[in-house]
Amino acid sequence: MNTLYHILISACIPHNAILAKTYRLLNTFTGNSLLQAFDRLEVMELTANSILDSQSLGSIVHISEAEIAELKTAFHLEG
């Protein structure tokens, strides 16, 4: 049976976070703990606020794949 619950659970498997607007705002976060799920929500909220607040400065400039790799190395996020 494909209830909304089952559809959302299936959609969550490959993602860290899912936002769906159905009947109300529904936040479904996955993680190894409640603390990790809350942390991901907080990071997402602060990132969204930063993007919205910075719009008056001009358009977004994305970092390159090389810069991402450098950050991953610096913060030991490889693998």
Protein backbone atom coordinates (compact mmCIF):
# COMPACT_ATOMS: atom_id res chain seq x y z
CA MET A 1 0.00 0.00 0.00
CA ASN A 2 1.51 3.37 -1.04
CA THR A 3 0.46 5.68 1.74
CA LEU A 4 2.10 9.08 2.12
CA TYR A 5 4.12 7.62 4.99
CA HIS A 6 5.55 4.80 2.84
CA ILE A 7 6.32 7.16 -0.05
CA LEU A 8 8.21 9.52 2.27
CA ILE A 9 10.13 6.71 3.95
CA SER A 10 11.19 5.42 0.52
CA ALA A 11 12.26 8.91 -0.49
CA CYS A 12 14.33 9.34 2.69
CA ILE A 13 16.56 6.34 2.16
CA PRO A 14 19.09 8.01 -0.20
CA HIS A 15 18.93 11.48 1.43
CA ASN A 16 19.87 13.21 4.66
CA ALA A 17 16.82 15.43 4.66
CA ILE A 18 13.48 15.69 2.91
CA LEU A 19 11.18 18.69 3.00
CA ALA A 20 7.67 18.12 1.72
CA LYS A 21 4.76 20.52 1.70
CA THR A 22 1.71 18.32 2.06
CA TYR A 23 -1.17 19.43 4.28
CA ARG A 24 1.46 21.32 6.30
CA LEU A 25 5.22 21.57 6.29
CA LEU A 26 6.58 18.13 6.99
CA ASN A 27 10.21 17.69 8.00
CA THR A 28 11.61 14.20 7.83
CA PHE A 29 15.22 13.88 8.87
CA THR A 30 17.32 10.81 9.12
CA GLY A 31 20.39 10.27 11.18
CA ASN A 32 22.02 7.92 13.61
CA SER A 33 20.46 9.78 16.53
CA LEU A 34 17.96 12.47 17.39
CA LEU A 35 20.87 14.83 18.03
CA GLN A 36 22.26 14.24 14.54
CA ALA A 37 18.84 14.79 12.97
CA PHE A 38 18.43 18.05 14.94
CA ASP A 39 21.94 19.15 13.94
CA ARG A 40 21.12 18.60 10.26
CA LEU A 41 17.93 20.63 10.61
CA GLU A 42 19.80 23.45 12.32
CA VAL A 43 22.54 23.51 9.67
CA MET A 44 19.92 23.54 6.90
CA GLU A 45 18.03 26.41 8.57
CA LEU A 46 21.18 28.50 9.07
CA THR A 47 22.30 27.82 5.49
CA ALA A 48 18.92 28.90 4.13
CA ASN A 49 19.01 32.07 6.24
CA SER A 50 22.53 32.86 5.04
CA ILE A 51 21.47 32.47 1.41
CA LEU A 52 18.41 34.67 1.88
CA ASP A 53 20.31 37.32 3.85
CA SER A 54 23.12 37.48 1.29
CA GLN A 55 20.89 38.04 -1.75
CA SER A 56 21.31 41.82 -1.39
CA LEU A 57 25.05 41.34 -2.02
CA GLY A 58 24.58 39.75 -5.44
CA SER A 59 24.25 36.31 -6.95
CA ILE A 60 25.60 33.11 -5.41
CA VAL A 61 29.14 32.11 -6.39
CA HIS A 62 29.54 28.35 -6.08
CA ILE A 63 32.80 26.80 -4.95
CA SER A 64 34.59 24.42 -7.29
CA GLU A 65 34.94 20.65 -6.93
CA ALA A 66 38.63 21.22 -6.13
CA GLU A 67 37.71 23.59 -3.30
CA ILE A 68 35.20 21.06 -1.96
CA ALA A 69 37.88 18.37 -2.03
CA GLU A 70 40.28 20.69 -0.18
CA LEU A 71 37.68 21.30 2.55
CA LYS A 72 37.00 17.58 2.87
CA THR A 73 40.70 16.94 3.31
CA ALA A 74 41.14 19.78 5.80
CA PHE A 75 38.24 18.55 7.94
CA HIS A 76 39.04 14.84 7.55
CA LEU A 77 35.80 14.10 5.71
CA GLU A 78 37.28 11.79 3.08
CA GLY A 79 35.89 8.30 2.62
